Amino acid sequence: MALPLVLMFGIMYFLLFLPMQRQKKQQQKMLSELKSGDVVVTTGGIVGTVTGLDKDTLVIRVKPDNLKLQVTRACVASVVPPPGETTAVQK
């Protein structure tokens, strides 16, 4: 009777929890490797260039008005690769 419960937990671990942990680690790595000059996309859809970094926040410049916004690092959804550079998904 305990075997089906153990199997269900094992399946849930490999299908749900393990991929979530990997995604979280990748996101943390991406946030820790941010540097000035990177083009980022926020969770709100704002695209801008990083001009300043702090421990928990960063300043991004949004074109065309050269508007500067201060956002938290957790707000960054992705980093846009420079033109001509391939990512792991594109290979």
PDB file of N, CA and C in Angstrom:
ATOM      1  N   MET A   1       0.813  -1.186   0.000  1.00  0.00           N
ATOM      2  CA  MET A   1       0.000   0.000   0.000  1.00  0.00           C
ATOM      3  C   MET A   1       0.868   1.266   0.000  1.00  0.00           C
ATOM      4  N   ALA A   2       2.010   1.213   0.611  1.00  0.00           N
ATOM      5  CA  ALA A   2       2.901   2.373   0.662  1.00  0.00           C
ATOM      6  C   ALA A   2       3.659   2.549  -0.645  1.00  0.00           C
ATOM      7  N   LEU A   3       3.824   1.483  -1.404  1.00  0.00           N
ATOM      8  CA  LEU A   3       4.567   1.535  -2.662  1.00  0.00           C
ATOM      9  C   LEU A   3       3.955   2.513  -3.668  1.00  0.00           C
ATOM     10  N   PRO A   4       2.634   2.528  -3.886  1.00  0.00           N
ATOM     11  CA  PRO A   4       2.076   3.511  -4.827  1.00  0.00           C
ATOM     12  C   PRO A   4       2.309   4.964  -4.380  1.00  0.00           C
ATOM     13  N   LEU A   5       2.260   5.227  -3.083  1.00  0.00           N
ATOM     14  CA  LEU A   5       2.519   6.576  -2.585  1.00  0.00           C
ATOM     15  C   LEU A   5       3.971   6.990  -2.835  1.00  0.00           C
ATOM     16  N   VAL A   6       4.886   6.064  -2.605  1.00  0.00           N
ATOM     17  CA  VAL A   6       6.300   6.343  -2.843  1.00  0.00           C
ATOM     18  C   VAL A   6       6.537   6.587  -4.325  1.00  0.00           C
ATOM     19  N   LEU A   7       5.916   5.793  -5.196  1.00  0.00           N
ATOM     20  CA  LEU A   7       6.064   5.971  -6.630  1.00  0.00           C
ATOM     21  C   LEU A   7       5.474   7.310  -7.087  1.00  0.00           C
ATOM     22  N   MET A   8       4.336   7.685  -6.549  1.00  0.00           N
ATOM     23  CA  MET A   8       3.733   8.968  -6.913  1.00  0.00           C
ATOM     24  C   MET A   8       4.628  10.131  -6.479  1.00  0.00           C
ATOM     25  N   PHE A   9       5.189  10.050  -5.284  1.00  0.00           N
ATOM     26  CA  PHE A   9       6.091  11.102  -4.820  1.00  0.00           C
ATOM     27  C   PHE A   9       7.334  11.166  -5.699  1.00  0.00           C
ATOM     28  N   GLY A  10       7.873  10.016  -6.081  1.00  0.00           N
ATOM     29  CA  GLY A  10       9.054   9.974  -6.941  1.00  0.00           C
ATOM     30  C   GLY A  10       8.778  10.584  -8.309  1.00  0.00           C
ATOM     31  N   ILE A  11       7.629  10.270  -8.875  1.00  0.00           N
ATOM     32  CA  ILE A  11       7.262  10.825 -10.179  1.00  0.00           C
ATOM     33  C   ILE A  11       7.065  12.337 -10.076  1.00  0.00           C
ATOM     34  N   MET A  12       6.387  12.787  -9.027  1.00  0.00           N
ATOM     35  CA  MET A  12       6.181  14.228  -8.842  1.00  0.00           C
ATOM     36  C   MET A  12       7.508  14.948  -8.655  1.00  0.00           C
ATOM     37  N   TYR A  13       8.446  14.322  -7.938  1.00  0.00           N
ATOM     38  CA  TYR A  13       9.742  14.950  -7.717  1.00  0.00           C
ATOM     39  C   TYR A  13      10.463  15.162  -9.047  1.00  0.00           C
ATOM     40  N   PHE A  14      10.500  14.136  -9.894  1.00  0.00           N
ATOM     41  CA  PHE A  14      11.224  14.234 -11.164  1.00  0.00           C
ATOM     42  C   PHE A  14      10.501  15.087 -12.193  1.00  0.00           C
ATOM     43  N   LEU A  15       9.188  15.170 -12.132  1.00  0.00           N
ATOM     44  CA  LEU A  15       8.452  15.953 -13.128  1.00  0.00           C
ATOM     45  C   LEU A  15       8.200  17.398 -12.705  1.00  0.00           C
ATOM     46  N   LEU A  16       8.137  17.667 -11.407  1.00  0.00           N
ATOM     47  CA  LEU A  16       7.820  19.020 -10.946  1.00  0.00           C
ATOM     48  C   LEU A  16       8.957  19.697 -10.193  1.00  0.00           C
ATOM     49  N   PHE A  17       9.411  19.106  -9.134  1.00  0.00           N
ATOM     50  CA  PHE A  17      10.340  19.775  -8.239  1.00  0.00           C
ATOM     51  C   PHE A  17      11.741  19.909  -8.825  1.00  0.00           C
ATOM     52  N   LEU A  18      12.264  18.899  -9.459  1.00  0.00           N
ATOM     53  CA  LEU A  18      13.617  18.952 -10.008  1.00  0.00           C
ATOM     54  C   LEU A  18      13.746  20.011 -11.104  1.00  0.00           C
ATOM     55  N   PRO A  19      12.830  20.082 -12.092  1.00  0.00           N
ATOM     56  CA  PRO A  19      12.933  21.154 -13.083  1.00  0.00           C
ATOM     57  C   PRO A  19      12.786  22.556 -12.487  1.00  0.00           C
ATOM     58  N   MET A  20      11.945  22.706 -11.464  1.00  0.00           N
ATOM     59  CA  MET A  20      11.791  24.008 -10.822  1.00  0.00           C
ATOM     60  C   MET A  20      13.083  24.423 -10.131  1.00  0.00           C
ATOM     61  N   GLN A  21      13.779  23.486  -9.496  1.00  0.00           N
ATOM     62  CA  GLN A  21      15.045  23.792  -8.841  1.00  0.00           C
ATOM     63  C   GLN A  21      16.105  24.187  -9.870  1.00  0.00           C
ATOM     64  N   ARG A  22      16.158  23.493 -10.994  1.00  0.00           N
ATOM     65  CA  ARG A  22      17.119  23.824 -12.050  1.00  0.00           C
ATOM     66  C   ARG A  22      16.848  25.211 -12.623  1.00  0.00           C
ATOM     67  N   GLN A  23      15.580  25.531 -12.859  1.00  0.00           N
ATOM     68  CA  GLN A  23      15.219  26.837 -13.399  1.00  0.00           C
ATOM     69  C   GLN A  23      15.587  27.946 -12.414  1.00  0.00           C
ATOM     70  N   LYS A  24      15.364  27.721 -11.142  1.00  0.00           N
ATOM     71  CA  LYS A  24      15.697  28.716 -10.124  1.00  0.00           C
ATOM     72  C   LYS A  24      17.207  28.945 -10.072  1.00  0.00           C
ATOM     73  N   LYS A  25      17.999  27.883 -10.182  1.00  0.00           N
ATOM     74  CA  LYS A  25      19.452  28.015 -10.180  1.00  0.00           C
ATOM     75  C   LYS A  25      19.928  28.789 -11.409  1.00  0.00           C
ATOM     76  N   GLN A  26      19.340  28.520 -12.564  1.00  0.00           N
ATOM     77  CA  GLN A  26      19.714  29.243 -13.782  1.00  0.00           C
ATOM     78  C   GLN A  26      19.372  30.725 -13.648  1.00  0.00           C
ATOM     79  N   GLN A  27      18.226  31.042 -13.087  1.00  0.00           N
ATOM     80  CA  GLN A  27      17.812  32.434 -12.897  1.00  0.00           C
ATOM     81  C   GLN A  27      18.763  33.150 -11.934  1.00  0.00           C
ATOM     82  N   GLN A  28      19.133  32.495 -10.835  1.00  0.00           N
ATOM     83  CA  GLN A  28      20.056  33.082  -9.877  1.00  0.00           C
ATOM     84  C   GLN A  28      21.431  33.319 -10.509  1.00  0.00           C
ATOM     85  N   LYS A  29      21.887  32.370 -11.322  1.00  0.00           N
ATOM     86  CA  LYS A  29      23.172  32.517 -12.008  1.00  0.00           C
ATOM     87  C   LYS A  29      23.121  33.701 -12.972  1.00  0.00           C
ATOM     88  N   MET A  30      22.038  33.820 -13.729  1.00  0.00           N
ATOM     89  CA  MET A  30      21.882  34.915 -14.678  1.00  0.00           C
ATOM     90  C   MET A  30      21.886  36.259 -13.955  1.00  0.00           C
ATOM     91  N   LEU A  31      21.194  36.356 -12.826  1.00  0.00           N
ATOM     92  CA  LEU A  31      21.138  37.599 -12.067  1.00  0.00           C
ATOM     93  C   LEU A  31      22.488  37.960 -11.458  1.00  0.00           C
ATOM     94  N   SER A  32      23.250  36.962 -11.031  1.00  0.00           N
ATOM     95  CA  SER A  32      24.551  37.242 -10.431  1.00  0.00           C
ATOM     96  C   SER A  32      25.586  37.641 -11.481  1.00  0.00           C
ATOM     97  N   GLU A  33      25.384  37.267 -12.744  1.00  0.00           N
ATOM     98  CA  GLU A  33      26.342  37.577 -13.810  1.00  0.00           C
ATOM     99  C   GLU A  33      25.996  38.855 -14.571  1.00  0.00           C
ATOM    100  N   LEU A  34      24.982  39.598 -14.126  1.00  0.00           N
ATOM    101  CA  LEU A  34      24.636  40.850 -14.790  1.00  0.00           C
ATOM    102  C   LEU A  34      25.782  41.842 -14.685  1.00  0.00           C
ATOM    103  N   LYS A  35      26.006  42.578 -15.769  1.00  0.00           N
ATOM    104  CA  LYS A  35      27.044  43.599 -15.762  1.00  0.00           C
ATOM    105  C   LYS A  35      26.560  44.817 -16.529  1.00  0.00           C
ATOM    106  N   SER A  36      27.245  45.909 -16.362  1.00  0.00           N
ATOM    107  CA  SER A  36      26.892  47.142 -17.036  1.00  0.00           C
ATOM    108  C   SER A  36      27.023  46.944 -18.551  1.00  0.00           C
ATOM    109  N   GLY A  37      26.024  47.400 -19.291  1.00  0.00           N
ATOM    110  CA  GLY A  37      26.031  47.248 -20.743  1.00  0.00           C
ATOM    111  C   GLY A  37      25.148  46.116 -21.239  1.00  0.00           C
ATOM    112  N   ASP A  38      24.709  45.227 -20.345  1.00  0.00           N
ATOM    113  CA  ASP A  38      23.806  44.135 -20.739  1.00  0.00           C
ATOM    114  C   ASP A  38      22.433  44.695 -21.074  1.00  0.00           C
ATOM    115  N   VAL A  39      21.816  44.133 -22.108  1.00  0.00           N
ATOM    116  CA  VAL A  39      20.438  44.494 -22.453  1.00  0.00           C
ATOM    117  C   VAL A  39      19.539  43.473 -21.771  1.00  0.00           C
ATOM    118  N   VAL A  40      18.595  43.974 -20.958  1.00  0.00           N
ATOM    119  CA  VAL A  40      17.732  43.092 -20.176  1.00  0.00           C
ATOM    120  C   VAL A  40      16.269  43.358 -20.481  1.00  0.00           C
ATOM    121  N   VAL A  41      15.450  42.347 -20.216  1.00  0.00           N
ATOM    122  CA  VAL A  41      13.996  42.461 -20.309  1.00  0.00           C
ATOM    123  C   VAL A  41      13.448  42.212 -18.913  1.00  0.00           C
ATOM    124  N   THR A  42      12.614  43.132 -18.429  1.00  0.00           N
ATOM    125  CA  THR A  42      12.027  42.964 -17.105  1.00  0.00           C
ATOM    126  C   THR A  42      10.768  42.112 -17.200  1.00  0.00           C
ATOM    127  N   THR A  43      10.249  41.716 -16.058  1.00  0.00           N
ATOM    128  CA  THR A  43       9.026  40.920 -16.042  1.00  0.00           C
ATOM    129  C   THR A  43       7.837  41.716 -16.548  1.00  0.00           C
ATOM    130  N   GLY A  44       7.926  43.031 -16.507  1.00  0.00           N
ATOM    131  CA  GLY A  44       6.876  43.902 -17.021  1.00  0.00           C
ATOM    132  C   GLY A  44       6.990  44.146 -18.517  1.00  0.00           C
ATOM    133  N   GLY A  45       8.054  43.632 -19.153  1.00  0.00           N
ATOM    134  CA  GLY A  45       8.224  43.781 -20.586  1.00  0.00           C
ATOM    135  C   GLY A  45       9.053  44.975 -21.003  1.00  0.00           C
ATOM    136  N   ILE A  46       9.684  45.657 -20.068  1.00  0.00           N
ATOM    137  CA  ILE A  46      10.516  46.814 -20.388  1.00  0.00           C
ATOM    138  C   ILE A  46      11.889  46.324 -20.815  1.00  0.00           C
ATOM    139  N   VAL A  47      12.360  46.823 -21.964  1.00  0.00           N
ATOM    140  CA  VAL A  47      13.678  46.465 -22.469  1.00  0.00           C
ATOM    141  C   VAL A  47      14.600  47.654 -22.253  1.00  0.00           C
ATOM    142  N   GLY A  48      15.741  47.410 -21.642  1.00  0.00           N
ATOM    143  CA  GLY A  48      16.674  48.496 -21.374  1.00  0.00           C
ATOM    144  C   GLY A  48      18.089  47.985 -21.205  1.00  0.00           C
ATOM    145  N   THR A  49      19.031  48.926 -21.179  1.00  0.00           N
ATOM    146  CA  THR A  49      20.444  48.622 -21.019  1.00  0.00           C
ATOM    147  C   THR A  49      20.859  48.942 -19.585  1.00  0.00           C
ATOM    148  N   VAL A  50      21.563  48.014 -18.959  1.00  0.00           N
ATOM    149  CA  VAL A  50      22.020  48.202 -17.580  1.00  0.00           C
ATOM    150  C   VAL A  50      23.110  49.268 -17.566  1.00  0.00           C
ATOM    151  N   THR A  51      22.927  50.301 -16.746  1.00  0.00           N
ATOM    152  CA  THR A  51      23.930  51.353 -16.624  1.00  0.00           C
ATOM    153  C   THR A  51      24.541  51.410 -15.230  1.00  0.00           C
ATOM    154  N   GLY A  52      23.861  50.874 -14.245  1.00  0.00           N
ATOM    155  CA  GLY A  52      24.388  50.870 -12.886  1.00  0.00           C
ATOM    156  C   GLY A  52      23.928  49.648 -12.132  1.00  0.00           C
ATOM    157  N   LEU A  53      24.804  49.143 -11.265  1.00  0.00           N
ATOM    158  CA  LEU A  53      24.496  47.949 -10.478  1.00  0.00           C
ATOM    159  C   LEU A  53      24.664  48.247  -9.001  1.00  0.00           C
ATOM    160  N   ASP A  54      23.813  47.625  -8.214  1.00  0.00           N
ATOM    161  CA  ASP A  54      23.897  47.678  -6.768  1.00  0.00           C
ATOM    162  C   ASP A  54      23.656  46.259  -6.280  1.00  0.00           C
ATOM    163  N   LYS A  55      23.673  46.044  -4.991  1.00  0.00           N
ATOM    164  CA  LYS A  55      23.471  44.689  -4.465  1.00  0.00           C
ATOM    165  C   LYS A  55      22.106  44.130  -4.858  1.00  0.00           C
ATOM    166  N   ASP A  56      21.046  44.890  -4.610  1.00  0.00           N
ATOM    167  CA  ASP A  56      19.692  44.403  -4.866  1.00  0.00           C
ATOM    168  C   ASP A  56      18.984  45.114  -6.005  1.00  0.00           C
ATOM    169  N   THR A  57      19.542  46.206  -6.490  1.00  0.00           N
ATOM    170  CA  THR A  57      18.876  46.975  -7.545  1.00  0.00           C
ATOM    171  C   THR A  57      19.836  47.237  -8.696  1.00  0.00           C
ATOM    172  N   LEU A  58      19.269  47.649  -9.813  1.00  0.00           N
ATOM    173  CA  LEU A  58      20.065  48.090 -10.943  1.00  0.00           C
ATOM    174  C   LEU A  58      19.346  49.213 -11.654  1.00  0.00           C
ATOM    175  N   VAL A  59      20.107  50.007 -12.359  1.00  0.00           N
ATOM    176  CA  VAL A  59      19.564  51.132 -13.108  1.00  0.00           C
ATOM    177  C   VAL A  59      19.633  50.750 -14.577  1.00  0.00           C
ATOM    178  N   ILE A  60      18.481  50.851 -15.264  1.00  0.00           N
ATOM    179  CA  ILE A  60      18.466  50.548 -16.688  1.00  0.00           C
ATOM    180  C   ILE A  60      18.078  51.810 -17.461  1.00  0.00           C
ATOM    181  N   ARG A  61      18.678  51.956 -18.634  1.00  0.00           N
ATOM    182  CA  ARG A  61      18.368  53.084 -19.513  1.00  0.00           C
ATOM    183  C   ARG A  61      17.440  52.578 -20.603  1.00  0.00           C
ATOM    184  N   VAL A  62      16.312  53.256 -20.757  1.00  0.00           N
ATOM    185  CA  VAL A  62      15.305  52.873 -21.737  1.00  0.00           C
ATOM    186  C   VAL A  62      15.331  53.893 -22.866  1.00  0.00           C
ATOM    187  N   LYS A  63      15.478  53.420 -24.083  1.00  0.00           N
ATOM    188  CA  LYS A  63      15.473  54.320 -25.247  1.00  0.00           C
ATOM    189  C   LYS A  63      14.049  54.519 -25.691  1.00  0.00           C
ATOM    190  N   PRO A  64      13.659  55.483 -26.411  1.00  0.00           N
ATOM    191  CA  PRO A  64      14.418  56.517 -27.115  1.00  0.00           C
ATOM    192  C   PRO A  64      14.633  57.772 -26.283  1.00  0.00           C
ATOM    193  N   ASP A  65      14.016  57.903 -25.129  1.00  0.00           N
ATOM    194  CA  ASP A  65      14.115  59.133 -24.340  1.00  0.00           C
ATOM    195  C   ASP A  65      15.265  59.114 -23.347  1.00  0.00           C
ATOM    196  N   ASN A  66      16.081  58.063 -23.367  1.00  0.00           N
ATOM    197  CA  ASN A  66      17.164  57.891 -22.392  1.00  0.00           C
ATOM    198  C   ASN A  66      16.651  57.993 -20.964  1.00  0.00           C
ATOM    199  N   LEU A  67      15.476  57.464 -20.737  1.00  0.00           N
ATOM    200  CA  LEU A  67      14.864  57.421 -19.416  1.00  0.00           C
ATOM    201  C   LEU A  67      15.610  56.400 -18.565  1.00  0.00           C
ATOM    202  N   LYS A  68      15.945  56.756 -17.334  1.00  0.00           N
ATOM    203  CA  LYS A  68      16.632  55.827 -16.435  1.00  0.00           C
ATOM    204  C   LYS A  68      15.657  55.342 -15.374  1.00  0.00           C
ATOM    205  N   LEU A  69      15.597  54.028 -15.219  1.00  0.00           N
ATOM    206  CA  LEU A  69      14.711  53.409 -14.237  1.00  0.00           C
ATOM    207  C   LEU A  69      15.529  52.601 -13.250  1.00  0.00           C
ATOM    208  N   GLN A  70      15.149  52.645 -11.995  1.00  0.00           N
ATOM    209  CA  GLN A  70      15.774  51.805 -10.989  1.00  0.00           C
ATOM    210  C   GLN A  70      14.834  50.645 -10.703  1.00  0.00           C
ATOM    211  N   VAL A  71      15.317  49.425 -10.912  1.00  0.00           N
ATOM    212  CA  VAL A  71      14.503  48.227 -10.720  1.00  0.00           C
ATOM    213  C   VAL A  71      15.259  47.243  -9.830  1.00  0.00           C
ATOM    214  N   THR A  72      14.526  46.332  -9.237  1.00  0.00           N
ATOM    215  CA  THR A  72      15.164  45.290  -8.437  1.00  0.00           C
ATOM    216  C   THR A  72      15.712  44.214  -9.348  1.00  0.00           C
ATOM    217  N   ARG A  73      16.700  43.510  -8.880  1.00  0.00           N
ATOM    218  CA  ARG A  73      17.281  42.417  -9.677  1.00  0.00           C
ATOM    219  C   ARG A  73      16.241  41.318  -9.941  1.00  0.00           C
ATOM    220  N   ALA A  74      15.365  41.088  -8.989  1.00  0.00           N
ATOM    221  CA  ALA A  74      14.352  40.045  -9.147  1.00  0.00           C
ATOM    222  C   ALA A  74      13.382  40.366 -10.273  1.00  0.00           C
ATOM    223  N   CYS A  75      13.329  41.608 -10.681  1.00  0.00           N
ATOM    224  CA  CYS A  75      12.431  42.055 -11.740  1.00  0.00           C
ATOM    225  C   CYS A  75      12.946  41.678 -13.132  1.00  0.00           C
ATOM    226  N   VAL A  76      14.215  41.309 -13.251  1.00  0.00           N
ATOM    227  CA  VAL A  76      14.811  40.977 -14.548  1.00  0.00           C
ATOM    228  C   VAL A  76      14.389  39.566 -14.958  1.00  0.00           C
ATOM    229  N   ALA A  77      13.753  39.476 -16.130  1.00  0.00           N
ATOM    230  CA  ALA A  77      13.296  38.177 -16.621  1.00  0.00           C
ATOM    231  C   ALA A  77      14.357  37.483 -17.464  1.00  0.00           C
ATOM    232  N   SER A  78      15.066  38.254 -18.307  1.00  0.00           N
ATOM    233  CA  SER A  78      16.081  37.643 -19.163  1.00  0.00           C
ATOM    234  C   SER A  78      17.075  38.685 -19.637  1.00  0.00           C
ATOM    235  N   VAL A  79      18.196  38.183 -20.134  1.00  0.00           N
ATOM    236  CA  VAL A  79      19.225  39.025 -20.736  1.00  0.00           C
ATOM    237  C   VAL A  79      19.194  38.758 -22.231  1.00  0.00           C
ATOM    238  N   VAL A  80      19.130  39.825 -23.020  1.00  0.00           N
ATOM    239  CA  VAL A  80      19.102  39.693 -24.480  1.00  0.00           C
ATOM    240  C   VAL A  80      20.537  39.497 -24.953  1.00  0.00           C
ATOM    241  N   PRO A  81      20.815  38.402 -25.690  1.00  0.00           N
ATOM    242  CA  PRO A  81      22.186  38.190 -26.165  1.00  0.00           C
ATOM    243  C   PRO A  81      22.560  39.205 -27.234  1.00  0.00           C
ATOM    244  N   PRO A  82      23.837  39.574 -27.318  1.00  0.00           N
ATOM    245  CA  PRO A  82      24.271  40.505 -28.354  1.00  0.00           C
ATOM    246  C   PRO A  82      24.033  39.916 -29.749  1.00  0.00           C
ATOM    247  N   PRO A  83      23.857  40.772 -30.765  1.00  0.00           N
ATOM    248  CA  PRO A  83      23.633  40.261 -32.121  1.00  0.00           C
ATOM    249  C   PRO A  83      24.799  39.394 -32.582  1.00  0.00           C
ATOM    250  N   GLY A  84      24.467  38.289 -33.217  1.00  0.00           N
ATOM    251  CA  GLY A  84      25.486  37.376 -33.718  1.00  0.00           C
ATOM    252  C   GLY A  84      25.897  36.302 -32.735  1.00  0.00           C
ATOM    253  N   GLU A  85      25.539  36.450 -31.491  1.00  0.00           N
ATOM    254  CA  GLU A  85      25.902  35.444 -30.491  1.00  0.00           C
ATOM    255  C   GLU A  85      24.777  34.421 -30.403  1.00  0.00           C
ATOM    256  N   THR A  86      25.113  33.138 -30.419  1.00  0.00           N
ATOM    257  CA  THR A  86      24.101  32.096 -30.326  1.00  0.00           C
ATOM    258  C   THR A  86      23.938  31.679 -28.874  1.00  0.00           C
ATOM    259  N   THR A  87      22.736  31.327 -28.532  1.00  0.00           N
ATOM    260  CA  THR A  87      22.450  30.829 -27.187  1.00  0.00           C
ATOM    261  C   THR A  87      22.334  29.315 -27.240  1.00  0.00           C
ATOM    262  N   ALA A  88      22.188  28.700 -26.079  1.00  0.00           N
ATOM    263  CA  ALA A  88      22.084  27.240 -26.015  1.00  0.00           C
ATOM    264  C   ALA A  88      20.833  26.744 -26.726  1.00  0.00           C
ATOM    265  N   VAL A  89      19.776  27.535 -26.734  1.00  0.00           N
ATOM    266  CA  VAL A  89      18.518  27.134 -27.381  1.00  0.00           C
ATOM    267  C   VAL A  89      18.664  27.187 -28.902  1.00  0.00           C
ATOM    268  N   GLN A  90      19.429  28.161 -29.402  1.00  0.00           N
ATOM    269  CA  GLN A  90      19.573  28.332 -30.836  1.00  0.00           C
ATOM    270  C   GLN A  90      20.529  27.339 -31.463  1.00  0.00           C
ATOM    271  N   LYS A  91      21.408  26.695 -30.684  1.00  0.00           N
ATOM    272  CA  LYS A  91      22.393  25.763 -31.234  1.00  0.00           C
ATOM    273  C   LYS A  91      21.766  24.514 -31.752  1.00  0.00           C
TER     274      LYS A  91
END
